[in-house]
Amino acid sequence: MKPFKNILYVAEETADQASAIARAALLAEKSQARLTVAEVISSDPADYFSDREKYYKQKLEILVRPYRDGLNIQVGIMTGTVFLEVIRSVLRNAYDLVIKPVENLDFISQLFGSVDMHLLRKCPCPVWMMKSPEKPKYECVLAAVDFDPSQSVAVEKDFNNEILDRASALALTDGAVLHLVHAWEAYAERAMLVHGDVLSESVTAHVQNQALRHQKALYWLGERLCDRIGTAAYKQLSPNFHLLKGSAKKVIPPFAAELQADLVVMGTVARSGIPGLIIGNTAETILNQLDCSVLAIKPPGFKTPVTLDS
């Protein structure tokens, strides 16, 4: 797995940024990555005051000052709509990761504010939304994978590999426990139960058969992860495998809470999605129920609807 090499940290004044910037700086240091710390300020004339950009840039300089030694850190100010300017900056500068503290955590009932959701839906590179205060080291990382065991789709395989690679790298770095989670449903079960002439033994056999197929596919992903990172690293990681029966949006958030997960790594576009699809409804529902940091991955071929001139 290639480490992140060009990271954009987006300042969020409503959050406790000290812990988030420390985590971003640590990641940049370990990855030997370039780190850009930026703030997007309003283009509304009512918000204008003399030396405004200088004022905000000085605030950023204070934020990054403790991490200047040994790190390639740039600071910058952008003007306009936050999510649009961030995505345009990703397109211009080929950032491979956007990090941002969660917006208005104490103000809204849902974890993610409107700017955050726009980024999760539309940003072409991975987005790491950090809950404040962010932990300096994670103890529990959950990787949520989605697949159809009846199909062999290259994009789906690459997508899940990316999720597992990112999650395992972070778990290894922090010495965290890694949990591989897959939610599944036996879609014919309900129809079989509705028809009273179907024997209960047939329903049970169908459910067990579906469970076995999903289990084999999940363990196959684990074996491929072992191939990619090596036997020694895999033994050190010793991931836990979990098959959760039920709708992903209903079973994954409470399971993450039960585990007290510090980070959930997941895809934000549904398996049936096509390049350019903004976000899967299931993914968005899950994101709004989580109470921890999230690393959101886009599938290969995803195209952002934002353009440099839009």
C-alpha atoms as a PDB file:
ATOM      1  CA  MET A   1       0.000   0.000   0.000  1.00  0.00           C
ATOM      2  CA  LYS A   2       1.288   3.419  -0.927  1.00  0.00           C
ATOM      3  CA  PRO A   3       1.324   5.849   2.018  1.00  0.00           C
ATOM      4  CA  PHE A   4      -0.337   9.219   1.765  1.00  0.00           C
ATOM      5  CA  LYS A   5       2.185  11.682   0.342  1.00  0.00           C
ATOM      6  CA  ASN A   6       0.323  14.962  -0.190  1.00  0.00           C
ATOM      7  CA  ILE A   7      -2.074  15.811   2.633  1.00  0.00           C
ATOM      8  CA  LEU A   8      -4.463  18.738   2.925  1.00  0.00           C
ATOM      9  CA  TYR A   9      -5.624  19.693   6.416  1.00  0.00           C
ATOM     10  CA  VAL A  10      -8.704  21.937   6.431  1.00  0.00           C
ATOM     11  CA  ALA A  11      -9.046  24.134   9.500  1.00  0.00           C
ATOM     12  CA  GLU A  12     -12.367  24.119  11.348  1.00  0.00           C
ATOM     13  CA  GLU A  13     -12.799  26.959  13.847  1.00  0.00           C
ATOM     14  CA  THR A  14     -15.781  25.327  15.571  1.00  0.00           C
ATOM     15  CA  ALA A  15     -13.679  22.345  16.668  1.00  0.00           C
ATOM     16  CA  ASP A  16     -10.773  21.717  19.024  1.00  0.00           C
ATOM     17  CA  GLN A  17      -8.050  21.689  16.398  1.00  0.00           C
ATOM     18  CA  ALA A  18      -5.004  21.060  18.576  1.00  0.00           C
ATOM     19  CA  SER A  19      -5.487  17.293  18.724  1.00  0.00           C
ATOM     20  CA  ALA A  20      -6.461  17.026  15.037  1.00  0.00           C
ATOM     21  CA  ILE A  21      -3.459  18.967  13.732  1.00  0.00           C
ATOM     22  CA  ALA A  22      -1.186  16.908  15.991  1.00  0.00           C
ATOM     23  CA  ARG A  23      -2.583  13.731  14.463  1.00  0.00           C
ATOM     24  CA  ALA A  24      -2.208  15.120  10.932  1.00  0.00           C
ATOM     25  CA  ALA A  25       1.388  16.157  11.608  1.00  0.00           C
ATOM     26  CA  LEU A  26       2.219  12.714  13.016  1.00  0.00           C
ATOM     27  CA  LEU A  27       0.781  11.034   9.933  1.00  0.00           C
ATOM     28  CA  ALA A  28       2.756  13.358   7.648  1.00  0.00           C
ATOM     29  CA  GLU A  29       5.936  12.679   9.607  1.00  0.00           C
ATOM     30  CA  LYS A  30       5.580   8.889   9.490  1.00  0.00           C
ATOM     31  CA  SER A  31       4.619   8.958   5.808  1.00  0.00           C
ATOM     32  CA  GLN A  32       7.265  11.548   4.930  1.00  0.00           C
ATOM     33  CA  ALA A  33       4.433  13.458   3.312  1.00  0.00           C
ATOM     34  CA  ARG A  34       3.904  17.074   2.412  1.00  0.00           C
ATOM     35  CA  LEU A  35       1.314  18.704   4.673  1.00  0.00           C
ATOM     36  CA  THR A  36      -0.687  21.771   3.670  1.00  0.00           C
ATOM     37  CA  VAL A  37      -2.789  23.471   6.339  1.00  0.00           C
ATOM     38  CA  ALA A  38      -5.451  25.709   4.879  1.00  0.00           C
ATOM     39  CA  GLU A  39      -8.489  27.707   5.888  1.00  0.00           C
ATOM     40  CA  VAL A  40     -11.364  28.708   3.663  1.00  0.00           C
ATOM     41  CA  ILE A  41     -12.763  32.152   4.485  1.00  0.00           C
ATOM     42  CA  SER A  42     -16.020  33.676   3.365  1.00  0.00           C
ATOM     43  CA  SER A  43     -16.289  35.706   0.176  1.00  0.00           C
ATOM     44  CA  ASP A  44     -19.196  37.694   1.670  1.00  0.00           C
ATOM     45  CA  PRO A  45     -18.278  41.398   1.667  1.00  0.00           C
ATOM     46  CA  ALA A  46     -19.912  41.686   5.095  1.00  0.00           C
ATOM     47  CA  ASP A  47     -17.152  39.456   6.503  1.00  0.00           C
ATOM     48  CA  TYR A  48     -14.368  41.542   5.045  1.00  0.00           C
ATOM     49  CA  PHE A  49     -11.934  43.533   7.206  1.00  0.00           C
ATOM     50  CA  SER A  50      -8.531  45.036   6.636  1.00  0.00           C
ATOM     51  CA  ASP A  51      -5.641  42.526   6.545  1.00  0.00           C
ATOM     52  CA  ARG A  52      -8.128  39.652   6.796  1.00  0.00           C
ATOM     53  CA  GLU A  53      -5.961  37.103   4.975  1.00  0.00           C
ATOM     54  CA  LYS A  54      -2.925  38.099   7.023  1.00  0.00           C
ATOM     55  CA  TYR A  55      -4.925  37.600  10.217  1.00  0.00           C
ATOM     56  CA  TYR A  56      -6.067  34.078   9.258  1.00  0.00           C
ATOM     57  CA  LYS A  57      -2.641  33.101   7.990  1.00  0.00           C
ATOM     58  CA  GLN A  58      -1.077  34.134  11.295  1.00  0.00           C
ATOM     59  CA  LYS A  59      -3.602  31.907  13.093  1.00  0.00           C
ATOM     60  CA  LEU A  60      -2.556  28.976  10.938  1.00  0.00           C
ATOM     61  CA  GLU A  61       1.119  29.691  11.544  1.00  0.00           C
ATOM     62  CA  ILE A  62       0.488  29.514  15.290  1.00  0.00           C
ATOM     63  CA  LEU A  63      -1.365  26.228  14.808  1.00  0.00           C
ATOM     64  CA  VAL A  64       1.493  24.551  12.907  1.00  0.00           C
ATOM     65  CA  ARG A  65       4.429  26.146  14.749  1.00  0.00           C
ATOM     66  CA  PRO A  66       5.024  23.155  17.093  1.00  0.00           C
ATOM     67  CA  TYR A  67       5.440  20.847  14.074  1.00  0.00           C
ATOM     68  CA  ARG A  68       7.671  22.902  11.803  1.00  0.00           C
ATOM     69  CA  ASP A  69      10.883  21.076  12.672  1.00  0.00           C
ATOM     70  CA  GLY A  70      11.450  18.221  10.271  1.00  0.00           C
ATOM     71  CA  LEU A  71       8.135  18.586   8.447  1.00  0.00           C
ATOM     72  CA  ASN A  72       7.329  20.080   5.069  1.00  0.00           C
ATOM     73  CA  ILE A  73       4.330  22.230   6.065  1.00  0.00           C
ATOM     74  CA  GLN A  74       2.687  24.883   3.932  1.00  0.00           C
ATOM     75  CA  VAL A  75      -0.128  27.196   5.023  1.00  0.00           C
ATOM     76  CA  GLY A  76      -2.655  28.867   2.788  1.00  0.00           C
ATOM     77  CA  ILE A  77      -5.906  30.789   2.655  1.00  0.00           C
ATOM     78  CA  MET A  78      -8.730  30.135   0.195  1.00  0.00           C
ATOM     79  CA  THR A  79     -11.809  32.277  -0.328  1.00  0.00           C
ATOM     80  CA  GLY A  80     -15.281  31.007  -1.176  1.00  0.00           C
ATOM     81  CA  THR A  81     -17.533  28.059  -0.319  1.00  0.00           C
ATOM     82  CA  VAL A  82     -15.593  25.635   1.874  1.00  0.00           C
ATOM     83  CA  PHE A  83     -16.309  22.316   0.186  1.00  0.00           C
ATOM     84  CA  LEU A  84     -16.002  23.733  -3.324  1.00  0.00           C
ATOM     85  CA  GLU A  85     -12.640  25.379  -2.659  1.00  0.00           C
ATOM     86  CA  VAL A  86     -11.296  22.297  -0.884  1.00  0.00           C
ATOM     87  CA  ILE A  87     -12.264  20.004  -3.764  1.00  0.00           C
ATOM     88  CA  ARG A  88     -10.876  22.441  -6.337  1.00  0.00           C
ATOM     89  CA  SER A  89      -7.646  22.533  -4.375  1.00  0.00           C
ATOM     90  CA  VAL A  90      -7.540  18.720  -4.450  1.00  0.00           C
ATOM     91  CA  LEU A  91      -7.999  18.814  -8.220  1.00  0.00           C
ATOM     92  CA  ARG A  92      -5.309  21.471  -8.701  1.00  0.00           C
ATOM     93  CA  ASN A  93      -2.713  20.077  -6.343  1.00  0.00           C
ATOM     94  CA  ALA A  94      -3.317  16.305  -6.494  1.00  0.00           C
ATOM     95  CA  TYR A  95      -3.796  15.886  -2.743  1.00  0.00           C
ATOM     96  CA  ASP A  96      -4.254  12.226  -1.847  1.00  0.00           C
ATOM     97  CA  LEU A  97      -5.899  12.832   1.543  1.00  0.00           C
ATOM     98  CA  VAL A  98      -8.081  15.545   3.072  1.00  0.00           C
ATOM     99  CA  ILE A  99      -8.161  15.794   6.867  1.00  0.00           C
ATOM    100  CA  LYS A 100     -10.739  17.936   8.629  1.00  0.00           C
ATOM    101  CA  PRO A 101     -12.057  18.156  12.194  1.00  0.00           C
ATOM    102  CA  VAL A 102     -15.778  17.445  12.385  1.00  0.00           C
ATOM    103  CA  GLU A 103     -17.930  20.548  11.962  1.00  0.00           C
ATOM    104  CA  ASN A 104     -20.086  21.881  14.823  1.00  0.00           C
ATOM    105  CA  LEU A 105     -19.944  18.691  16.882  1.00  0.00           C
ATOM    106  CA  ASP A 106     -21.723  20.229  19.898  1.00  0.00           C
ATOM    107  CA  PHE A 107     -24.270  22.109  17.806  1.00  0.00           C
ATOM    108  CA  ILE A 108     -25.913  19.388  15.733  1.00  0.00           C
ATOM    109  CA  SER A 109     -27.449  16.073  16.636  1.00  0.00           C
ATOM    110  CA  GLN A 110     -25.727  14.364  13.746  1.00  0.00           C
ATOM    111  CA  LEU A 111     -21.980  13.898  13.743  1.00  0.00           C
ATOM    112  CA  PHE A 112     -21.349  15.542  10.401  1.00  0.00           C
ATOM    113  CA  GLY A 113     -22.322  19.059   9.422  1.00  0.00           C
ATOM    114  CA  SER A 114     -23.282  20.214   5.949  1.00  0.00           C
ATOM    115  CA  VAL A 115     -19.728  21.081   4.843  1.00  0.00           C
ATOM    116  CA  ASP A 116     -18.474  17.716   6.051  1.00  0.00           C
ATOM    117  CA  MET A 117     -21.182  15.828   4.172  1.00  0.00           C
ATOM    118  CA  HIS A 118     -20.449  17.738   0.979  1.00  0.00           C
ATOM    119  CA  LEU A 119     -16.808  16.683   1.241  1.00  0.00           C
ATOM    120  CA  LEU A 120     -17.688  13.080   2.024  1.00  0.00           C
ATOM    121  CA  ARG A 121     -20.042  12.981  -0.953  1.00  0.00           C
ATOM    122  CA  LYS A 122     -17.987  14.785  -3.553  1.00  0.00           C
ATOM    123  CA  CYS A 123     -14.270  14.896  -2.695  1.00  0.00           C
ATOM    124  CA  PRO A 124     -12.368  12.619  -5.125  1.00  0.00           C
ATOM    125  CA  CYS A 125      -9.671  11.582  -2.633  1.00  0.00           C
ATOM    126  CA  PRO A 126     -10.036   9.914   0.788  1.00  0.00           C
ATOM    127  CA  VAL A 127     -11.459  12.161   3.510  1.00  0.00           C
ATOM    128  CA  TRP A 128     -10.529  11.713   7.168  1.00  0.00           C
ATOM    129  CA  MET A 129     -13.090  13.376   9.428  1.00  0.00           C
ATOM    130  CA  MET A 130     -11.642  13.666  12.916  1.00  0.00           C
ATOM    131  CA  LYS A 131     -13.813  13.791  15.976  1.00  0.00           C
ATOM    132  CA  SER A 132     -12.556  16.291  18.575  1.00  0.00           C
ATOM    133  CA  PRO A 133     -10.630  15.728  20.698  1.00  0.00           C
ATOM    134  CA  GLU A 134      -8.804  13.297  18.433  1.00  0.00           C
ATOM    135  CA  LYS A 135      -6.793  10.526  20.076  1.00  0.00           C
ATOM    136  CA  PRO A 136      -3.012  10.562  19.531  1.00  0.00           C
ATOM    137  CA  LYS A 137      -3.209   6.788  19.058  1.00  0.00           C
ATOM    138  CA  TYR A 138      -6.134   4.570  18.158  1.00  0.00           C
ATOM    139  CA  GLU A 139      -6.979   1.459  20.132  1.00  0.00           C
ATOM    140  CA  CYS A 140      -9.728   0.095  17.889  1.00  0.00           C
ATOM    141  CA  VAL A 141     -10.066   0.412  14.101  1.00  0.00           C
ATOM    142  CA  LEU A 142     -13.099  -0.936  12.246  1.00  0.00           C
ATOM    143  CA  ALA A 143     -12.968  -1.597   8.497  1.00  0.00           C
ATOM    144  CA  ALA A 144     -16.388  -2.035   6.885  1.00  0.00           C
ATOM    145  CA  VAL A 145     -16.374  -3.903   3.567  1.00  0.00           C
ATOM    146  CA  ASP A 146     -19.244  -4.549   1.174  1.00  0.00           C
ATOM    147  CA  PHE A 147     -19.461  -7.188  -1.545  1.00  0.00           C
ATOM    148  CA  ASP A 148     -21.760  -9.569  -3.374  1.00  0.00           C
ATOM    149  CA  PRO A 149     -20.310 -13.101  -3.123  1.00  0.00           C
ATOM    150  CA  SER A 150     -22.266 -14.167  -6.182  1.00  0.00           C
ATOM    151  CA  GLN A 151     -20.297 -11.783  -8.386  1.00  0.00           C
ATOM    152  CA  SER A 152     -16.622 -11.243  -9.125  1.00  0.00           C
ATOM    153  CA  VAL A 153     -16.203  -7.546  -9.859  1.00  0.00           C
ATOM    154  CA  ALA A 154     -12.697  -6.103 -10.188  1.00  0.00           C
ATOM    155  CA  VAL A 155     -13.712  -2.600  -9.065  1.00  0.00           C
ATOM    156  CA  GLU A 156     -15.447  -4.012  -5.996  1.00  0.00           C
ATOM    157  CA  LYS A 157     -12.348  -6.066  -5.107  1.00  0.00           C
ATOM    158  CA  ASP A 158     -10.012  -3.089  -5.530  1.00  0.00           C
ATOM    159  CA  PHE A 159     -12.375  -0.924  -3.472  1.00  0.00           C
ATOM    160  CA  ASN A 160     -12.397  -3.357  -0.540  1.00  0.00           C
ATOM    161  CA  ASN A 161      -8.634  -3.850  -0.810  1.00  0.00           C
ATOM    162  CA  GLU A 162      -8.139  -0.087  -0.494  1.00  0.00           C
ATOM    163  CA  ILE A 163     -10.351   0.033   2.598  1.00  0.00           C
ATOM    164  CA  LEU A 164      -8.497  -2.866   4.228  1.00  0.00           C
ATOM    165  CA  ASP A 165      -5.055  -1.570   3.283  1.00  0.00           C
ATOM    166  CA  ARG A 166      -5.724   1.840   4.811  1.00  0.00           C
ATOM    167  CA  ALA A 167      -7.300   0.398   7.947  1.00  0.00           C
ATOM    168  CA  SER A 168      -4.542  -2.176   8.505  1.00  0.00           C
ATOM    169  CA  ALA A 169      -1.771   0.398   7.997  1.00  0.00           C
ATOM    170  CA  LEU A 170      -3.275   2.690  10.643  1.00  0.00           C
ATOM    171  CA  ALA A 171      -3.900  -0.203  13.035  1.00  0.00           C
ATOM    172  CA  LEU A 172      -0.321  -1.431  12.670  1.00  0.00           C
ATOM    173  CA  THR A 173       1.104   2.051  13.178  1.00  0.00           C
ATOM    174  CA  ASP A 174      -0.921   2.626  16.352  1.00  0.00           C
ATOM    175  CA  GLY A 175      -0.840  -0.932  17.668  1.00  0.00           C
ATOM    176  CA  ALA A 176      -4.648  -0.928  17.473  1.00  0.00           C
ATOM    177  CA  VAL A 177      -7.010  -3.884  17.227  1.00  0.00           C
ATOM    178  CA  LEU A 178      -8.406  -4.253  13.704  1.00  0.00           C
ATOM    179  CA  HIS A 179     -11.949  -5.486  13.116  1.00  0.00           C
ATOM    180  CA  LEU A 180     -13.076  -6.494   9.609  1.00  0.00           C
ATOM    181  CA  VAL A 181     -16.839  -6.139   9.399  1.00  0.00           C
ATOM    182  CA  HIS A 182     -19.300  -7.160   6.709  1.00  0.00           C
ATOM    183  CA  ALA A 183     -23.086  -6.792   6.939  1.00  0.00           C
ATOM    184  CA  TRP A 184     -25.112  -9.282   4.933  1.00  0.00           C
ATOM    185  CA  GLU A 185     -28.700 -10.227   4.276  1.00  0.00           C
ATOM    186  CA  ALA A 186     -30.378 -13.370   2.978  1.00  0.00           C
ATOM    187  CA  TYR A 187     -32.625 -11.488   0.595  1.00  0.00           C
ATOM    188  CA  ALA A 188     -34.903 -14.441  -0.217  1.00  0.00           C
ATOM    189  CA  GLU A 189     -35.531 -15.196   3.469  1.00  0.00           C
ATOM    190  CA  ARG A 190     -38.441 -12.780   3.860  1.00  0.00           C
ATOM    191  CA  ALA A 191     -40.172 -13.990   0.692  1.00  0.00           C
ATOM    192  CA  MET A 192     -39.772 -17.587   1.781  1.00  0.00           C
ATOM    193  CA  LEU A 193     -41.283 -16.813   5.184  1.00  0.00           C
ATOM    194  CA  VAL A 194     -44.260 -15.057   3.596  1.00  0.00           C
ATOM    195  CA  HIS A 195     -45.159 -18.219   1.688  1.00  0.00           C
ATOM    196  CA  GLY A 196     -46.534 -20.562   4.281  1.00  0.00           C
ATOM    197  CA  ASP A 197     -45.845 -23.598   2.140  1.00  0.00           C
ATOM    198  CA  VAL A 198     -42.067 -23.238   2.497  1.00  0.00           C
ATOM    199  CA  LEU A 199     -40.679 -25.520   5.172  1.00  0.00           C
ATOM    200  CA  SER A 200     -38.797 -23.842   8.020  1.00  0.00           C
ATOM    201  CA  GLU A 201     -35.928 -26.238   7.340  1.00  0.00           C
ATOM    202  CA  SER A 202     -35.645 -24.821   3.808  1.00  0.00           C
ATOM    203  CA  VAL A 203     -35.529 -21.269   5.135  1.00  0.00           C
ATOM    204  CA  THR A 204     -32.851 -22.207   7.649  1.00  0.00           C
ATOM    205  CA  ALA A 205     -30.823 -23.983   4.986  1.00  0.00           C
ATOM    206  CA  HIS A 206     -31.028 -20.943   2.700  1.00  0.00           C
ATOM    207  CA  VAL A 207     -29.877 -18.573   5.454  1.00  0.00           C
ATOM    208  CA  GLN A 208     -27.030 -20.874   6.457  1.00  0.00           C
ATOM    209  CA  ASN A 209     -25.924 -21.210   2.833  1.00  0.00           C
ATOM    210  CA  GLN A 210     -25.888 -17.439   2.377  1.00  0.00           C
ATOM    211  CA  ALA A 211     -23.984 -16.966   5.636  1.00  0.00           C
ATOM    212  CA  LEU A 212     -21.338 -19.450   4.506  1.00  0.00           C
ATOM    213  CA  ARG A 213     -20.908 -17.725   1.134  1.00  0.00           C
ATOM    214  CA  HIS A 214     -20.438 -14.307   2.772  1.00  0.00           C
ATOM    215  CA  GLN A 215     -18.084 -15.805   5.361  1.00  0.00           C
ATOM    216  CA  LYS A 216     -15.891 -17.372   2.683  1.00  0.00           C
ATOM    217  CA  ALA A 217     -15.733 -14.095   0.762  1.00  0.00           C
ATOM    218  CA  LEU A 218     -14.828 -12.136   3.895  1.00  0.00           C
ATOM    219  CA  TYR A 219     -12.048 -14.553   4.835  1.00  0.00           C
ATOM    220  CA  TRP A 220     -10.826 -14.475   1.230  1.00  0.00           C
ATOM    221  CA  LEU A 221     -10.391 -10.694   1.571  1.00  0.00           C
ATOM    222  CA  GLY A 222      -8.411 -11.348   4.750  1.00  0.00           C
ATOM    223  CA  GLU A 223      -6.166 -13.801   2.934  1.00  0.00           C
ATOM    224  CA  ARG A 224      -5.495 -11.292   0.172  1.00  0.00           C
ATOM    225  CA  LEU A 225      -4.651  -8.689   2.825  1.00  0.00           C
ATOM    226  CA  CYS A 226      -2.111 -11.138   4.255  1.00  0.00           C
ATOM    227  CA  ASP A 227      -0.608 -11.571   0.781  1.00  0.00           C
ATOM    228  CA  ARG A 228      -0.211  -7.801   0.393  1.00  0.00           C
ATOM    229  CA  ILE A 229       1.228  -6.888   3.794  1.00  0.00           C
ATOM    230  CA  GLY A 230       3.153 -10.096   4.514  1.00  0.00           C
ATOM    231  CA  THR A 231       2.707 -12.907   7.003  1.00  0.00           C
ATOM    232  CA  ALA A 232       4.661 -11.226   9.825  1.00  0.00           C
ATOM    233  CA  ALA A 233       2.632  -8.012   9.678  1.00  0.00           C
ATOM    234  CA  TYR A 234      -0.611  -9.975   9.375  1.00  0.00           C
ATOM    235  CA  LYS A 235       0.206 -12.058  12.452  1.00  0.00           C
ATOM    236  CA  GLN A 236       1.000  -8.886  14.352  1.00  0.00           C
ATOM    237  CA  LEU A 237      -2.287  -7.396  13.202  1.00  0.00           C
ATOM    238  CA  SER A 238      -4.309 -10.567  13.893  1.00  0.00           C
ATOM    239  CA  PRO A 239      -7.562  -9.045  12.610  1.00  0.00           C
ATOM    240  CA  ASN A 240     -10.965  -9.996  13.973  1.00  0.00           C
ATOM    241  CA  PHE A 241     -13.655 -10.997  11.457  1.00  0.00           C
ATOM    242  CA  HIS A 242     -17.322 -10.180  11.985  1.00  0.00           C
ATOM    243  CA  LEU A 243     -20.356 -11.158   9.898  1.00  0.00           C
ATOM    244  CA  LEU A 244     -23.325  -9.040  10.932  1.00  0.00           C
ATOM    245  CA  LYS A 245     -26.704 -10.251   9.717  1.00  0.00           C
ATOM    246  CA  GLY A 246     -28.953  -7.385   8.740  1.00  0.00           C
ATOM    247  CA  SER A 247     -28.982  -4.105   6.886  1.00  0.00           C
ATOM    248  CA  ALA A 248     -25.594  -2.369   7.051  1.00  0.00           C
ATOM    249  CA  LYS A 249     -27.148   0.935   8.111  1.00  0.00           C
ATOM    250  CA  LYS A 250     -28.868  -0.776  11.037  1.00  0.00           C
ATOM    251  CA  VAL A 251     -26.130  -3.092  12.299  1.00  0.00           C
ATOM    252  CA  ILE A 252     -22.783  -1.341  11.662  1.00  0.00           C
ATOM    253  CA  PRO A 253     -23.245   1.863  13.751  1.00  0.00           C
ATOM    254  CA  PRO A 254     -24.321   0.048  16.957  1.00  0.00           C
ATOM    255  CA  PHE A 255     -21.549  -2.501  16.457  1.00  0.00           C
ATOM    256  CA  ALA A 256     -18.987   0.314  16.145  1.00  0.00           C
ATOM    257  CA  ALA A 257     -20.378   1.797  19.355  1.00  0.00           C
ATOM    258  CA  GLU A 258     -20.221  -1.593  21.090  1.00  0.00           C
ATOM    259  CA  LEU A 259     -16.564  -1.959  20.110  1.00  0.00           C
ATOM    260  CA  GLN A 260     -15.887   1.659  21.123  1.00  0.00           C
ATOM    261  CA  ALA A 261     -14.202   2.089  17.761  1.00  0.00           C
ATOM    262  CA  ASP A 262     -11.895   5.088  17.443  1.00  0.00           C
ATOM    263  CA  LEU A 263     -11.989   5.024  13.649  1.00  0.00           C
ATOM    264  CA  VAL A 264     -14.261   3.533  11.016  1.00  0.00           C
ATOM    265  CA  VAL A 265     -12.774   3.060   7.542  1.00  0.00           C
ATOM    266  CA  MET A 266     -15.483   2.616   4.924  1.00  0.00           C
ATOM    267  CA  GLY A 267     -16.530   3.382   1.381  1.00  0.00           C
ATOM    268  CA  THR A 268     -18.907   6.238   0.681  1.00  0.00           C
ATOM    269  CA  VAL A 269     -20.346   5.072  -2.634  1.00  0.00           C
ATOM    270  CA  ALA A 270     -22.672   2.109  -2.814  1.00  0.00           C
ATOM    271  CA  ARG A 271     -21.542  -1.096  -4.509  1.00  0.00           C
ATOM    272  CA  SER A 272     -24.135  -0.588  -7.236  1.00  0.00           C
ATOM    273  CA  GLY A 273     -22.982   2.982  -7.781  1.00  0.00           C
ATOM    274  CA  ILE A 274     -21.442   4.285 -10.947  1.00  0.00           C
ATOM    275  CA  PRO A 275     -18.606   6.816 -11.338  1.00  0.00           C
ATOM    276  CA  GLY A 276     -20.008  10.214 -10.479  1.00  0.00           C
ATOM    277  CA  LEU A 277     -22.660   8.932  -8.045  1.00  0.00           C
ATOM    278  CA  ILE A 278     -22.463  11.318  -5.125  1.00  0.00           C
ATOM    279  CA  ILE A 279     -23.019   8.939  -2.222  1.00  0.00           C
ATOM    280  CA  GLY A 280     -24.863   5.751  -1.405  1.00  0.00           C
ATOM    281  CA  ASN A 281     -27.890   6.179   0.862  1.00  0.00           C
ATOM    282  CA  THR A 282     -26.694   3.353   3.078  1.00  0.00           C
ATOM    283  CA  ALA A 283     -23.256   4.924   3.495  1.00  0.00           C
ATOM    284  CA  GLU A 284     -24.717   8.323   4.351  1.00  0.00           C
ATOM    285  CA  THR A 285     -27.095   6.805   6.896  1.00  0.00           C
ATOM    286  CA  ILE A 286     -24.206   4.966   8.550  1.00  0.00           C
ATOM    287  CA  LEU A 287     -22.020   8.090   8.630  1.00  0.00           C
ATOM    288  CA  ASN A 288     -24.739  10.092  10.348  1.00  0.00           C
ATOM    289  CA  GLN A 289     -25.024   7.497  13.115  1.00  0.00           C
ATOM    290  CA  LEU A 290     -21.332   7.110  13.935  1.00  0.00           C
ATOM    291  CA  ASP A 291     -19.820   8.775  16.977  1.00  0.00           C
ATOM    292  CA  CYS A 292     -16.160   8.409  16.076  1.00  0.00           C
ATOM    293  CA  SER A 293     -13.653   9.526  13.468  1.00  0.00           C
ATOM    294  CA  VAL A 294     -14.141   8.260   9.920  1.00  0.00           C
ATOM    295  CA  LEU A 295     -11.791   7.642   7.009  1.00  0.00           C
ATOM    296  CA  ALA A 296     -14.007   7.628   3.915  1.00  0.00           C
ATOM    297  CA  ILE A 297     -12.710   5.986   0.740  1.00  0.00           C
ATOM    298  CA  LYS A 298     -13.988   6.486  -2.815  1.00  0.00           C
ATOM    299  CA  PRO A 299     -14.060   3.593  -5.309  1.00  0.00           C
ATOM    300  CA  PRO A 300     -11.756   3.420  -8.298  1.00  0.00           C
ATOM    301  CA  GLY A 301     -13.038   5.580 -11.122  1.00  0.00           C
ATOM    302  CA  PHE A 302     -15.053   7.941  -8.933  1.00  0.00           C
ATOM    303  CA  LYS A 303     -15.569  11.311 -10.618  1.00  0.00           C
ATOM    304  CA  THR A 304     -16.340  14.375  -8.544  1.00  0.00           C
ATOM    305  CA  PRO A 305     -19.204  16.532  -9.818  1.00  0.00           C
ATOM    306  CA  VAL A 306     -17.130  19.606  -8.869  1.00  0.00           C
ATOM    307  CA  THR A 307     -14.963  21.132 -11.574  1.00  0.00           C
ATOM    308  CA  LEU A 308     -12.363  23.880 -11.477  1.00  0.00           C
ATOM    309  CA  ASP A 309     -14.682  26.281 -13.242  1.00  0.00           C
ATOM    310  CA  SER A 310     -18.020  25.259 -11.700  1.00  0.00           C
END
